Amino acid sequence: MCSAAADANVKGCRGEGLQGRHFHLFTLSPFHPFIFLLLLLTGCQSVDPVVKVALVGPFEGQDRAIGYDVIYSARLAVREVNEAGGIGGYRVALVALDDGGDPELARQVAESLVIDPAVVAVVGHWEEVTTDTAVPIYTAAHLPIIQTGAPPFGEYDPALLPADFIQAYEAVTPFEETAGPYAAPAYDAFQLLWLALDKAAQDDPELSRQSVAAALSGLQYQGLTGTVYQP
């Protein structure tokens, strides 16, 4: 059942485990074997329009530690932006998909994202082999991707992170996880994306893929890890 608790800003029923109490687990055939979770941080009674952004990474498999790092940063970033009122009149929905670090799975995930016109940007895939497989698919569909896992979104020593970020990060994890080397890069990637969405919304109230891609071009953000930009 849908809860009206102030901090439970999620449509539908909550999942358990890694998803935590604010995550909503969906099955979207035919790609359900590798869908990790879908966050619809729109509120049970929200009537605001929704813009979708995607996070893809290895949430299962031998590199799942990367996925654990980045999903909580994504959760934090989306929660913050929606609590601040969203972007350009939109609330943000995050679609988080697992590619397992597998190029074939990455290809299928990318193909599932490009056919959803509501998805205007992707953050991922955190590993070179999966990113290299997916990028041409996104490019052909004019779906902008912030490529992660390498500079400027490579590993960053969590010991260098400010205490307020660590506290906020740990507050959204269900099992008291601590930030790892990809937590800050993931957070910075989403902050860069929020700037791009805000910039795009000023010229394009519909927030199309094309307007978001144009807004990302040449955009820079001074983040937790230093200056980040669209690679």
Protein backbone atom coordinates (compact mmCIF):
# COMPACT_ATOMS: atom_id res chain seq x y z
CA MET A 1 0.00 0.00 0.00
CA CYS A 2 1.06 3.56 -0.58
CA SER A 3 2.32 5.33 2.55
CA ALA A 4 1.80 9.01 3.28
CA ALA A 5 4.83 9.27 5.56
CA ALA A 6 6.76 12.45 4.94
CA ASP A 7 9.97 10.68 3.99
CA ALA A 8 8.36 7.93 1.91
CA ASN A 9 8.05 9.81 -1.37
CA VAL A 10 7.61 6.77 -3.58
CA LYS A 11 4.71 5.48 -5.65
CA GLY A 12 3.60 1.93 -5.07
CA CYS A 13 4.84 -0.72 -2.66
CA ARG A 14 8.34 -0.72 -1.28
CA GLY A 15 10.96 -3.36 -1.97
CA GLU A 16 13.25 -4.85 0.65
CA GLY A 17 16.94 -5.56 0.92
CA LEU A 18 19.27 -3.42 -1.14
CA GLN A 19 16.40 -1.34 -2.45
CA GLY A 20 15.70 0.01 1.05
CA ARG A 21 12.48 1.39 2.34
CA HIS A 22 12.14 4.11 -0.31
CA PHE A 23 12.74 1.98 -3.41
CA HIS A 24 10.04 0.61 -5.68
CA LEU A 25 10.85 -2.62 -7.52
CA PHE A 26 9.18 -3.02 -10.91
CA THR A 27 9.22 -5.75 -13.56
CA LEU A 28 9.24 -4.45 -17.12
CA SER A 29 8.95 -7.32 -19.59
CA PRO A 30 10.86 -8.45 -21.60
CA PHE A 31 13.86 -7.11 -19.72
CA HIS A 32 12.84 -8.07 -16.18
CA PRO A 33 15.81 -10.43 -15.51
CA PHE A 34 18.19 -7.50 -15.33
CA ILE A 35 16.05 -4.68 -14.08
CA PHE A 36 17.43 -3.74 -10.70
CA LEU A 37 14.88 -1.23 -9.55
CA LEU A 38 12.80 1.74 -10.56
CA LEU A 39 12.54 4.81 -8.40
CA LEU A 40 9.50 6.96 -8.93
CA LEU A 41 10.09 9.76 -6.47
CA THR A 42 6.91 11.55 -7.43
CA GLY A 43 4.83 11.28 -4.28
CA CYS A 44 1.64 9.30 -3.84
CA GLN A 45 -0.61 12.25 -4.67
CA SER A 46 1.74 14.19 -6.95
CA VAL A 47 0.28 15.71 -10.09
CA ASP A 48 3.56 17.21 -11.26
CA PRO A 49 4.88 15.98 -14.61
CA VAL A 50 7.75 13.51 -14.41
CA VAL A 51 11.04 13.43 -16.28
CA LYS A 52 12.95 10.14 -16.30
CA VAL A 53 16.70 9.73 -16.01
CA ALA A 54 18.51 6.39 -15.95
CA LEU A 55 21.36 4.91 -13.96
CA VAL A 56 23.00 1.76 -15.33
CA GLY A 57 25.69 -0.21 -13.56
CA PRO A 58 26.73 -3.62 -12.21
CA PHE A 59 24.25 -4.11 -9.37
CA GLU A 60 24.80 -7.86 -9.48
CA GLY A 61 27.86 -9.97 -10.26
CA GLN A 62 31.49 -9.69 -9.25
CA ASP A 63 31.55 -5.89 -9.54
CA ARG A 64 28.35 -5.25 -7.61
CA ALA A 65 30.28 -3.18 -5.06
CA ILE A 66 30.36 -0.45 -7.70
CA GLY A 67 26.60 -0.65 -8.02
CA TYR A 68 26.15 -0.44 -4.26
CA ASP A 69 28.28 2.71 -4.20
CA VAL A 70 26.44 4.50 -6.98
CA ILE A 71 22.82 3.59 -6.25
CA TYR A 72 22.81 5.30 -2.89
CA SER A 73 24.39 8.44 -4.34
CA ALA A 74 21.69 8.42 -7.03
CA ARG A 75 19.03 7.93 -4.40
CA LEU A 76 20.40 10.85 -2.41
CA ALA A 77 20.66 13.13 -5.45
CA VAL A 78 17.11 12.37 -6.61
CA ARG A 79 15.66 12.80 -3.14
CA GLU A 80 17.38 16.17 -2.75
CA VAL A 81 16.27 17.55 -6.10
CA ASN A 82 12.66 16.45 -5.61
CA GLU A 83 12.54 17.82 -2.08
CA ALA A 84 13.75 21.12 -3.53
CA GLY A 85 10.78 21.17 -5.89
CA GLY A 86 12.12 19.28 -8.88
CA ILE A 87 13.49 20.83 -12.07
CA GLY A 88 11.67 23.06 -14.51
CA GLY A 89 8.29 22.08 -13.11
CA TYR A 90 9.13 18.37 -13.28
CA ARG A 91 9.76 15.83 -10.58
CA VAL A 92 12.54 13.37 -11.32
CA ALA A 93 12.03 9.63 -11.72
CA LEU A 94 15.13 7.46 -11.65
CA VAL A 95 15.22 4.22 -13.60
CA ALA A 96 18.10 2.11 -12.27
CA LEU A 97 19.06 -0.92 -14.36
CA ASP A 98 21.58 -3.68 -13.81
CA ASP A 99 23.99 -4.66 -16.60
CA GLY A 100 25.96 -7.07 -14.40
CA GLY A 101 29.21 -5.83 -15.92
CA ASP A 102 28.29 -7.91 -18.99
CA PRO A 103 28.52 -6.33 -22.47
CA GLU A 104 25.58 -8.30 -23.87
CA LEU A 105 23.40 -7.33 -20.94
CA ALA A 106 24.58 -3.74 -21.33
CA ARG A 107 23.48 -3.82 -24.96
CA GLN A 108 20.01 -5.10 -24.04
CA VAL A 109 19.63 -2.55 -21.25
CA ALA A 110 20.61 0.29 -23.57
CA GLU A 111 18.13 -0.89 -26.18
CA SER A 112 15.37 -0.98 -23.55
CA LEU A 113 16.12 2.60 -22.52
CA VAL A 114 16.22 4.17 -25.96
CA ILE A 115 12.70 2.97 -26.78
CA ASP A 116 11.26 4.89 -23.81
CA PRO A 117 10.86 8.48 -25.01
CA ALA A 118 10.39 9.70 -21.43
CA VAL A 119 14.02 8.86 -20.60
CA VAL A 120 16.04 11.97 -21.42
CA ALA A 121 19.51 11.03 -20.11
CA VAL A 122 21.60 8.14 -18.81
CA VAL A 123 24.37 7.95 -16.21
CA GLY A 124 26.57 4.84 -16.62
CA HIS A 125 27.85 2.19 -17.16
CA TRP A 126 30.85 2.40 -14.79
CA GLU A 127 32.98 -0.17 -16.64
CA GLU A 128 34.81 0.36 -19.90
CA VAL A 129 33.59 -2.76 -21.67
CA THR A 130 29.92 -2.13 -20.91
CA THR A 131 30.13 1.59 -21.59
CA ASP A 132 31.79 1.00 -24.95
CA THR A 133 29.02 -1.43 -25.89
CA ALA A 134 26.17 0.85 -24.88
CA VAL A 135 27.33 4.28 -26.03
CA PRO A 136 26.77 3.69 -29.78
CA ILE A 137 23.20 2.63 -29.05
CA TYR A 138 22.50 5.77 -27.07
CA THR A 139 24.22 7.92 -29.68
CA ALA A 140 22.13 6.49 -32.50
CA ALA A 141 18.97 7.28 -30.53
CA HIS A 142 20.20 10.79 -29.57
CA LEU A 143 19.93 9.82 -25.89
CA PRO A 144 22.65 11.67 -23.96
CA ILE A 145 24.82 9.63 -21.60
CA ILE A 146 27.20 10.85 -18.92
CA GLN A 147 29.91 8.22 -19.19
CA THR A 148 31.13 7.11 -15.79
CA GLY A 149 33.87 4.91 -14.37
CA ALA A 150 36.70 6.91 -15.89
CA PRO A 151 37.81 10.55 -15.43
CA PRO A 152 36.19 12.88 -14.61
CA PHE A 153 33.94 10.27 -12.97
CA GLY A 154 36.57 7.74 -11.94
CA GLU A 155 37.40 6.48 -8.47
CA TYR A 156 37.72 9.01 -5.65
CA ASP A 157 39.11 8.38 -2.18
CA PRO A 158 36.11 8.49 0.20
CA ALA A 159 38.43 9.57 3.02
CA LEU A 160 38.59 12.96 1.29
CA LEU A 161 34.83 13.49 1.31
CA PRO A 162 33.26 16.14 3.55
CA ALA A 163 31.48 14.94 6.66
CA ASP A 164 28.11 16.36 5.61
CA PHE A 165 28.09 14.27 2.43
CA ILE A 166 29.08 11.13 4.33
CA GLN A 167 26.27 11.75 6.79
CA ALA A 168 23.70 12.36 4.06
CA TYR A 169 24.88 9.30 2.10
CA GLU A 170 24.68 6.99 5.09
CA ALA A 171 21.22 8.31 5.91
CA VAL A 172 19.77 6.86 2.69
CA THR A 173 21.38 3.42 2.97
CA PRO A 174 19.30 0.64 4.54
CA PHE A 175 22.19 -1.34 6.00
CA GLU A 176 24.54 1.39 7.26
CA GLU A 177 26.83 1.15 4.24
CA THR A 178 29.65 3.64 3.98
CA ALA A 179 30.58 5.58 0.88
CA GLY A 180 33.10 3.87 -1.37
CA PRO A 181 35.29 5.10 -4.25
CA TYR A 182 32.39 5.59 -6.69
CA ALA A 183 29.96 7.31 -4.33
CA ALA A 184 31.18 10.86 -4.91
CA PRO A 185 31.65 10.48 -8.69
CA ALA A 186 28.07 9.22 -8.98
CA TYR A 187 26.75 12.12 -6.93
CA ASP A 188 28.73 14.60 -9.05
CA ALA A 189 27.40 13.04 -12.26
CA PHE A 190 23.85 13.62 -11.13
CA GLN A 191 24.58 17.17 -10.02
CA LEU A 192 25.94 17.87 -13.48
CA LEU A 193 22.80 16.34 -14.95
CA TRP A 194 20.55 18.51 -12.75
CA LEU A 195 22.34 21.60 -14.06
CA ALA A 196 21.81 20.40 -17.61
CA LEU A 197 18.12 19.69 -17.03
CA ASP A 198 17.61 23.11 -15.49
CA LYS A 199 19.42 24.78 -18.37
CA ALA A 200 17.46 22.77 -20.95
CA ALA A 201 14.12 23.55 -19.28
CA GLN A 202 14.72 27.26 -19.73
CA ASP A 203 14.67 26.85 -23.51
CA ASP A 204 12.60 23.67 -23.88
CA PRO A 205 9.73 23.18 -21.41
CA GLU A 206 9.25 19.67 -22.80
CA LEU A 207 12.80 18.61 -21.78
CA SER A 208 13.64 16.58 -24.86
CA ARG A 209 16.73 14.45 -25.32
CA GLN A 210 18.03 16.97 -27.81
CA SER A 211 17.71 19.92 -25.44
CA VAL A 212 19.36 17.99 -22.60
CA ALA A 213 22.23 16.92 -24.86
CA ALA A 214 22.74 20.51 -25.95
CA ALA A 215 22.70 21.70 -22.34
CA LEU A 216 25.31 19.12 -21.33
CA SER A 217 27.69 20.18 -24.07
CA GLY A 218 30.49 22.25 -22.53
CA LEU A 219 28.79 22.28 -19.12
CA GLN A 220 30.99 22.10 -16.01
CA TYR A 221 30.25 21.62 -12.34
CA GLN A 222 32.50 22.05 -9.33
CA GLY A 223 31.68 18.90 -7.45
CA LEU A 224 32.91 16.86 -4.53
CA THR A 225 35.68 15.38 -6.66
CA GLY A 226 36.68 18.60 -8.44
CA THR A 227 35.57 20.00 -11.79
CA VAL A 228 33.36 17.55 -13.66
CA TYR A 229 31.96 17.78 -17.17
CA GLN A 230 30.50 15.77 -19.98
CA PRO A 231 33.36 13.53 -21.28
